[in-house]
Amino acid sequence: MLSLRKILTALLLIAFSCQISAVTVTTRGVRNQAIYSIEFPEETRTYSGSEAGVQSISIQDYITSNFRVIELNIVTQGSALLRIYYSRPLRPGELQQAMSDGLGAAGIPGGSSIIQRPLPPQVQAIADRAAGVSEAVTGTEVMKEYPIATHAHTIEFRIGSRDELLDLHQELKKHWLKEPAFFEGGQIVSEDESSDKEMKPRSLGGTLFKVEE
């Protein structure tokens, strides 16, 4: 019979594993082994694509006049682009710091001090607007600005967790590059959980990636 200490330890390990795993990966979660799927919390948000059609998987971090954005892009054959991103309002002074860094990278002497001086009215208005954006807009609704930015042929999803986006990128990349892993019952497990100690390549096709938040 298991002792109370062992039971509590097991429960803590389960809770910890749930916290560090932001994305659930199910091998053979899609019947068609040529297709992979990404599911999001709302039933109306899901994506399925062809593994053979993936041309690149990339992630980037940038700022706009109001937001800091981390963006995951999957370029596919044809004209479609899958974009999944996380965004948050800029913090006070973040826009000014980015501008200062840009001047420094361009080799403009005294760039940092220039930014510390009173900004031109138009630039200061952008900075003030960025600082005043509410944290409430860090949800999952996709934001589009027409006609300032073009979103033609772009499939977009927005998620509310930075760590979850980074985790999703890592999992997608590992499966696309077919990095080896231990399997048990067709699912990826740790080495201790696998009875077969031979590592086998992951596969993007047939895999279901589920975003939890």
C-alpha atoms as a PDB file:
ATOM      1  CA  MET A   1       0.000   0.000   0.000  1.00  0.00           C
ATOM      2  CA  LEU A   2       1.346   3.393  -0.934  1.00  0.00           C
ATOM      3  CA  SER A   3       2.331   5.691   1.883  1.00  0.00           C
ATOM      4  CA  LEU A   4       0.787   9.140   2.222  1.00  0.00           C
ATOM      5  CA  ARG A   5       4.156  10.729   1.428  1.00  0.00           C
ATOM      6  CA  LYS A   6       4.453   8.835  -1.876  1.00  0.00           C
ATOM      7  CA  ILE A   7       0.896   9.752  -2.846  1.00  0.00           C
ATOM      8  CA  LEU A   8       1.516  13.437  -2.110  1.00  0.00           C
ATOM      9  CA  THR A   9       4.797  13.333  -4.037  1.00  0.00           C
ATOM     10  CA  ALA A  10       3.070  11.808  -7.056  1.00  0.00           C
ATOM     11  CA  LEU A  11       0.324  14.425  -6.957  1.00  0.00           C
ATOM     12  CA  LEU A  12       2.891  17.220  -6.779  1.00  0.00           C
ATOM     13  CA  LEU A  13       4.773  15.786  -9.749  1.00  0.00           C
ATOM     14  CA  ILE A  14       1.556  15.608 -11.761  1.00  0.00           C
ATOM     15  CA  ALA A  15       0.657  19.197 -10.865  1.00  0.00           C
ATOM     16  CA  PHE A  16       4.164  20.378 -11.727  1.00  0.00           C
ATOM     17  CA  SER A  17       4.137  18.612 -15.087  1.00  0.00           C
ATOM     18  CA  CYS A  18       0.801  20.259 -15.930  1.00  0.00           C
ATOM     19  CA  GLN A  19       2.232  23.684 -15.103  1.00  0.00           C
ATOM     20  CA  ILE A  20       5.359  23.334 -17.224  1.00  0.00           C
ATOM     21  CA  SER A  21       3.543  21.787 -20.194  1.00  0.00           C
ATOM     22  CA  ALA A  22       1.646  24.630 -21.829  1.00  0.00           C
ATOM     23  CA  VAL A  23       0.781  22.678 -24.973  1.00  0.00           C
ATOM     24  CA  THR A  24      -0.611  19.149 -25.185  1.00  0.00           C
ATOM     25  CA  VAL A  25       0.850  17.028 -27.997  1.00  0.00           C
ATOM     26  CA  THR A  26      -1.026  13.915 -29.130  1.00  0.00           C
ATOM     27  CA  THR A  27       0.763  11.633 -31.573  1.00  0.00           C
ATOM     28  CA  ARG A  28      -1.700   9.992 -33.961  1.00  0.00           C
ATOM     29  CA  GLY A  29      -4.252  12.563 -32.825  1.00  0.00           C
ATOM     30  CA  VAL A  30      -5.192  13.106 -36.471  1.00  0.00           C
ATOM     31  CA  ARG A  31      -6.364  10.105 -38.488  1.00  0.00           C
ATOM     32  CA  ASN A  32      -4.817  11.327 -41.721  1.00  0.00           C
ATOM     33  CA  GLN A  33      -1.076  10.911 -41.133  1.00  0.00           C
ATOM     34  CA  ALA A  34      -0.298  13.524 -43.777  1.00  0.00           C
ATOM     35  CA  ILE A  35      -2.160  16.233 -41.844  1.00  0.00           C
ATOM     36  CA  TYR A  36      -1.378  18.020 -38.564  1.00  0.00           C
ATOM     37  CA  SER A  37      -3.826  20.082 -36.503  1.00  0.00           C
ATOM     38  CA  ILE A  38      -3.641  22.875 -33.931  1.00  0.00           C
ATOM     39  CA  GLU A  39      -6.616  23.378 -31.620  1.00  0.00           C
ATOM     40  CA  PHE A  40      -7.309  26.436 -29.473  1.00  0.00           C
ATOM     41  CA  PRO A  41      -9.645  26.772 -26.460  1.00  0.00           C
ATOM     42  CA  GLU A  42     -12.661  28.092 -28.373  1.00  0.00           C
ATOM     43  CA  GLU A  43     -14.401  25.585 -30.637  1.00  0.00           C
ATOM     44  CA  THR A  44     -14.354  28.053 -33.509  1.00  0.00           C
ATOM     45  CA  ARG A  45     -10.551  28.277 -33.550  1.00  0.00           C
ATOM     46  CA  THR A  46      -8.743  25.362 -35.158  1.00  0.00           C
ATOM     47  CA  TYR A  47      -6.228  24.847 -37.946  1.00  0.00           C
ATOM     48  CA  SER A  48      -5.286  21.807 -40.031  1.00  0.00           C
ATOM     49  CA  GLY A  49      -2.568  21.704 -42.651  1.00  0.00           C
ATOM     50  CA  SER A  50      -0.449  19.393 -44.754  1.00  0.00           C
ATOM     51  CA  GLU A  51       2.953  18.399 -43.381  1.00  0.00           C
ATOM     52  CA  ALA A  52       4.316  18.268 -46.930  1.00  0.00           C
ATOM     53  CA  GLY A  53       3.171  21.833 -47.516  1.00  0.00           C
ATOM     54  CA  VAL A  54       5.233  23.380 -44.691  1.00  0.00           C
ATOM     55  CA  GLN A  55       8.127  25.430 -46.060  1.00  0.00           C
ATOM     56  CA  SER A  56       9.344  27.196 -42.922  1.00  0.00           C
ATOM     57  CA  ILE A  57       8.581  27.627 -39.217  1.00  0.00           C
ATOM     58  CA  SER A  58       9.849  30.810 -37.595  1.00  0.00           C
ATOM     59  CA  ILE A  59       9.325  33.027 -34.573  1.00  0.00           C
ATOM     60  CA  GLN A  60      10.075  36.714 -34.088  1.00  0.00           C
ATOM     61  CA  ASP A  61       9.775  39.397 -31.420  1.00  0.00           C
ATOM     62  CA  TYR A  62       8.986  43.005 -32.338  1.00  0.00           C
ATOM     63  CA  ILE A  63       7.180  46.143 -31.179  1.00  0.00           C
ATOM     64  CA  THR A  64       4.538  48.320 -32.786  1.00  0.00           C
ATOM     65  CA  SER A  65       3.472  51.791 -31.693  1.00  0.00           C
ATOM     66  CA  ASN A  66       1.247  50.192 -29.034  1.00  0.00           C
ATOM     67  CA  PHE A  67       2.245  46.572 -28.481  1.00  0.00           C
ATOM     68  CA  ARG A  68       5.104  44.150 -28.028  1.00  0.00           C
ATOM     69  CA  VAL A  69       4.462  41.087 -30.176  1.00  0.00           C
ATOM     70  CA  ILE A  70       5.880  37.578 -30.351  1.00  0.00           C
ATOM     71  CA  GLU A  71       4.818  36.000 -33.614  1.00  0.00           C
ATOM     72  CA  LEU A  72       4.986  32.409 -34.843  1.00  0.00           C
ATOM     73  CA  ASN A  73       4.780  32.065 -38.633  1.00  0.00           C
ATOM     74  CA  ILE A  74       4.364  28.906 -40.683  1.00  0.00           C
ATOM     75  CA  VAL A  75       4.862  29.478 -44.395  1.00  0.00           C
ATOM     76  CA  THR A  76       3.112  26.934 -46.590  1.00  0.00           C
ATOM     77  CA  GLN A  77       3.028  26.127 -50.276  1.00  0.00           C
ATOM     78  CA  GLY A  78       0.756  28.427 -52.197  1.00  0.00           C
ATOM     79  CA  SER A  79      -0.274  31.819 -50.857  1.00  0.00           C
ATOM     80  CA  ALA A  80      -1.400  30.938 -47.307  1.00  0.00           C
ATOM     81  CA  LEU A  81       0.514  32.000 -44.188  1.00  0.00           C
ATOM     82  CA  LEU A  82      -0.321  30.725 -40.705  1.00  0.00           C
ATOM     83  CA  ARG A  83       0.350  33.350 -38.032  1.00  0.00           C
ATOM     84  CA  ILE A  84      -0.055  32.693 -34.298  1.00  0.00           C
ATOM     85  CA  TYR A  85       0.912  35.499 -31.960  1.00  0.00           C
ATOM     86  CA  TYR A  86       0.952  36.822 -28.409  1.00  0.00           C
ATOM     87  CA  SER A  87       0.862  40.555 -27.724  1.00  0.00           C
ATOM     88  CA  ARG A  88       0.888  42.834 -24.717  1.00  0.00           C
ATOM     89  CA  PRO A  89       0.746  46.633 -24.308  1.00  0.00           C
ATOM     90  CA  LEU A  90       4.091  48.411 -24.257  1.00  0.00           C
ATOM     91  CA  ARG A  91       5.336  49.316 -20.812  1.00  0.00           C
ATOM     92  CA  PRO A  92       6.181  52.958 -19.989  1.00  0.00           C
ATOM     93  CA  GLY A  93       9.474  53.899 -21.581  1.00  0.00           C
ATOM     94  CA  GLU A  94       9.689  50.749 -23.721  1.00  0.00           C
ATOM     95  CA  LEU A  95       9.093  52.579 -27.001  1.00  0.00           C
ATOM     96  CA  GLN A  96      11.675  55.221 -26.136  1.00  0.00           C
ATOM     97  CA  GLN A  97      14.195  52.499 -25.269  1.00  0.00           C
ATOM     98  CA  ALA A  98      13.600  50.737 -28.579  1.00  0.00           C
ATOM     99  CA  MET A  99      14.091  54.001 -30.451  1.00  0.00           C
ATOM    100  CA  SER A 100      17.297  54.652 -28.521  1.00  0.00           C
ATOM    101  CA  ASP A 101      18.587  51.164 -29.320  1.00  0.00           C
ATOM    102  CA  GLY A 102      17.766  51.736 -32.991  1.00  0.00           C
ATOM    103  CA  LEU A 103      19.745  54.959 -33.110  1.00  0.00           C
ATOM    104  CA  GLY A 104      22.647  53.248 -31.386  1.00  0.00           C
ATOM    105  CA  ALA A 105      22.584  50.358 -33.865  1.00  0.00           C
ATOM    106  CA  ALA A 106      22.623  52.885 -36.713  1.00  0.00           C
ATOM    107  CA  GLY A 107      25.809  54.382 -35.287  1.00  0.00           C
ATOM    108  CA  ILE A 108      24.272  57.742 -34.419  1.00  0.00           C
ATOM    109  CA  PRO A 109      26.374  59.183 -31.566  1.00  0.00           C
ATOM    110  CA  GLY A 110      24.478  60.239 -28.486  1.00  0.00           C
ATOM    111  CA  GLY A 111      21.359  58.396 -29.588  1.00  0.00           C
ATOM    112  CA  SER A 112      20.413  57.560 -26.029  1.00  0.00           C
ATOM    113  CA  SER A 113      20.588  61.179 -24.910  1.00  0.00           C
ATOM    114  CA  ILE A 114      18.584  62.282 -27.946  1.00  0.00           C
ATOM    115  CA  ILE A 115      15.717  60.034 -26.933  1.00  0.00           C
ATOM    116  CA  GLN A 116      15.856  61.316 -23.366  1.00  0.00           C
ATOM    117  CA  ARG A 117      15.200  64.856 -24.570  1.00  0.00           C
ATOM    118  CA  PRO A 118      11.606  65.967 -25.243  1.00  0.00           C
ATOM    119  CA  LEU A 119      10.321  63.901 -28.157  1.00  0.00           C
ATOM    120  CA  PRO A 120       8.680  65.419 -31.218  1.00  0.00           C
ATOM    121  CA  PRO A 121       4.935  65.835 -30.558  1.00  0.00           C
ATOM    122  CA  GLN A 122       3.928  63.085 -32.996  1.00  0.00           C
ATOM    123  CA  VAL A 123       6.356  60.577 -31.461  1.00  0.00           C
ATOM    124  CA  GLN A 124       5.410  61.562 -27.908  1.00  0.00           C
ATOM    125  CA  ALA A 125       1.741  61.038 -28.760  1.00  0.00           C
ATOM    126  CA  ILE A 126       2.537  57.485 -29.906  1.00  0.00           C
ATOM    127  CA  ALA A 127       4.485  56.812 -26.716  1.00  0.00           C
ATOM    128  CA  ASP A 128       1.692  58.189 -24.536  1.00  0.00           C
ATOM    129  CA  ARG A 129      -0.906  56.123 -26.366  1.00  0.00           C
ATOM    130  CA  ALA A 130       1.194  52.978 -25.943  1.00  0.00           C
ATOM    131  CA  ALA A 131       1.578  53.601 -22.212  1.00  0.00           C
ATOM    132  CA  GLY A 132      -2.164  54.103 -21.824  1.00  0.00           C
ATOM    133  CA  VAL A 133      -3.320  50.880 -23.459  1.00  0.00           C
ATOM    134  CA  SER A 134      -5.180  48.668 -20.974  1.00  0.00           C
ATOM    135  CA  GLU A 135      -3.801  45.267 -19.967  1.00  0.00           C
ATOM    136  CA  ALA A 136      -7.282  43.936 -20.738  1.00  0.00           C
ATOM    137  CA  VAL A 137      -6.414  43.672 -24.416  1.00  0.00           C
ATOM    138  CA  THR A 138      -4.022  40.759 -23.889  1.00  0.00           C
ATOM    139  CA  GLY A 139      -6.745  38.225 -24.659  1.00  0.00           C
ATOM    140  CA  THR A 140      -7.158  36.005 -27.687  1.00  0.00           C
ATOM    141  CA  GLU A 141      -9.070  38.170 -30.157  1.00  0.00           C
ATOM    142  CA  VAL A 142      -7.101  38.819 -33.349  1.00  0.00           C
ATOM    143  CA  MET A 143      -6.391  42.516 -33.945  1.00  0.00           C
ATOM    144  CA  LYS A 144      -6.292  43.766 -37.522  1.00  0.00           C
ATOM    145  CA  GLU A 145      -5.769  47.284 -38.786  1.00  0.00           C
ATOM    146  CA  TYR A 146      -7.134  47.904 -42.262  1.00  0.00           C
ATOM    147  CA  PRO A 147      -5.780  49.269 -44.541  1.00  0.00           C
ATOM    148  CA  ILE A 148      -2.587  50.057 -42.577  1.00  0.00           C
ATOM    149  CA  ALA A 149      -1.467  46.434 -42.594  1.00  0.00           C
ATOM    150  CA  THR A 150      -2.362  43.792 -45.135  1.00  0.00           C
ATOM    151  CA  HIS A 151      -3.644  40.440 -43.917  1.00  0.00           C
ATOM    152  CA  ALA A 152      -4.569  38.897 -47.261  1.00  0.00           C
ATOM    153  CA  HIS A 153      -3.975  35.140 -47.451  1.00  0.00           C
ATOM    154  CA  THR A 154      -3.069  35.134 -43.742  1.00  0.00           C
ATOM    155  CA  ILE A 155      -4.688  32.771 -41.234  1.00  0.00           C
ATOM    156  CA  GLU A 156      -4.277  34.391 -37.809  1.00  0.00           C
ATOM    157  CA  PHE A 157      -4.709  33.228 -34.228  1.00  0.00           C
ATOM    158  CA  ARG A 158      -3.922  35.111 -31.032  1.00  0.00           C
ATOM    159  CA  ILE A 159      -3.201  33.400 -27.721  1.00  0.00           C
ATOM    160  CA  GLY A 160      -3.001  34.898 -24.247  1.00  0.00           C
ATOM    161  CA  SER A 161       0.203  33.264 -22.994  1.00  0.00           C
ATOM    162  CA  ARG A 162       3.762  34.064 -24.057  1.00  0.00           C
ATOM    163  CA  ASP A 163       5.100  30.786 -22.644  1.00  0.00           C
ATOM    164  CA  GLU A 164       2.429  28.830 -24.461  1.00  0.00           C
ATOM    165  CA  LEU A 165       3.382  30.378 -27.789  1.00  0.00           C
ATOM    166  CA  LEU A 166       7.069  29.596 -27.240  1.00  0.00           C
ATOM    167  CA  ASP A 167       6.186  26.041 -26.212  1.00  0.00           C
ATOM    168  CA  LEU A 168       4.025  25.585 -29.316  1.00  0.00           C
ATOM    169  CA  HIS A 169       6.868  26.810 -31.528  1.00  0.00           C
ATOM    170  CA  GLN A 170       9.314  24.349 -29.965  1.00  0.00           C
ATOM    171  CA  GLU A 171       6.932  21.411 -30.362  1.00  0.00           C
ATOM    172  CA  LEU A 172       6.070  22.244 -33.962  1.00  0.00           C
ATOM    173  CA  LYS A 173       9.742  22.653 -34.834  1.00  0.00           C
ATOM    174  CA  LYS A 174      10.756  19.384 -33.159  1.00  0.00           C
ATOM    175  CA  HIS A 175       8.098  17.464 -35.085  1.00  0.00           C
ATOM    176  CA  TRP A 176       8.815  19.159 -38.410  1.00  0.00           C
ATOM    177  CA  LEU A 177      12.559  18.469 -38.043  1.00  0.00           C
ATOM    178  CA  LYS A 178      11.701  14.915 -36.929  1.00  0.00           C
ATOM    179  CA  GLU A 179      13.813  15.123 -33.782  1.00  0.00           C
ATOM    180  CA  PRO A 180      13.968  11.692 -32.083  1.00  0.00           C
ATOM    181  CA  ALA A 181      12.027  10.856 -28.919  1.00  0.00           C
ATOM    182  CA  PHE A 182      10.997   7.846 -26.826  1.00  0.00           C
ATOM    183  CA  PHE A 183       7.548   6.436 -27.538  1.00  0.00           C
ATOM    184  CA  GLU A 184       5.191   4.218 -25.570  1.00  0.00           C
ATOM    185  CA  GLY A 185       1.830   3.183 -26.971  1.00  0.00           C
ATOM    186  CA  GLY A 186       2.350   5.557 -29.869  1.00  0.00           C
ATOM    187  CA  GLN A 187       2.795   8.604 -27.591  1.00  0.00           C
ATOM    188  CA  ILE A 188       5.962  10.520 -26.668  1.00  0.00           C
ATOM    189  CA  VAL A 189       7.148   9.716 -23.135  1.00  0.00           C
ATOM    190  CA  SER A 190      10.277  10.120 -21.032  1.00  0.00           C
ATOM    191  CA  GLU A 191      13.036   7.511 -21.210  1.00  0.00           C
ATOM    192  CA  ASP A 192      11.951   6.038 -17.860  1.00  0.00           C
ATOM    193  CA  GLU A 193       8.381   5.554 -19.079  1.00  0.00           C
ATOM    194  CA  SER A 194       9.353   3.789 -22.301  1.00  0.00           C
ATOM    195  CA  SER A 195       9.873   0.033 -22.406  1.00  0.00           C
ATOM    196  CA  ASP A 196      11.573   0.431 -25.787  1.00  0.00           C
ATOM    197  CA  LYS A 197      14.800   2.396 -25.276  1.00  0.00           C
ATOM    198  CA  GLU A 198      15.219   3.064 -28.992  1.00  0.00           C
ATOM    199  CA  MET A 199      14.525   6.669 -29.958  1.00  0.00           C
ATOM    200  CA  LYS A 200      12.315   7.192 -33.003  1.00  0.00           C
ATOM    201  CA  PRO A 201      11.753  10.329 -35.091  1.00  0.00           C
ATOM    202  CA  ARG A 202       8.795  12.575 -34.379  1.00  0.00           C
ATOM    203  CA  SER A 203       6.363  13.327 -37.208  1.00  0.00           C
ATOM    204  CA  LEU A 204       4.431  16.522 -37.803  1.00  0.00           C
ATOM    205  CA  GLY A 205       1.847  14.654 -39.845  1.00  0.00           C
ATOM    206  CA  GLY A 206      -0.792  12.902 -37.749  1.00  0.00           C
ATOM    207  CA  THR A 207      -0.018  15.028 -34.678  1.00  0.00           C
ATOM    208  CA  LEU A 208      -2.528  17.147 -32.761  1.00  0.00           C
ATOM    209  CA  PHE A 209      -1.212  20.211 -30.904  1.00  0.00           C
ATOM    210  CA  LYS A 210      -3.673  21.564 -28.357  1.00  0.00           C
ATOM    211  CA  VAL A 211      -3.239  25.044 -26.883  1.00  0.00           C
ATOM    212  CA  GLU A 212      -4.658  24.989 -23.352  1.00  0.00           C
ATOM    213  CA  GLU A 213      -5.236  28.711 -22.674  1.00  0.00           C
END
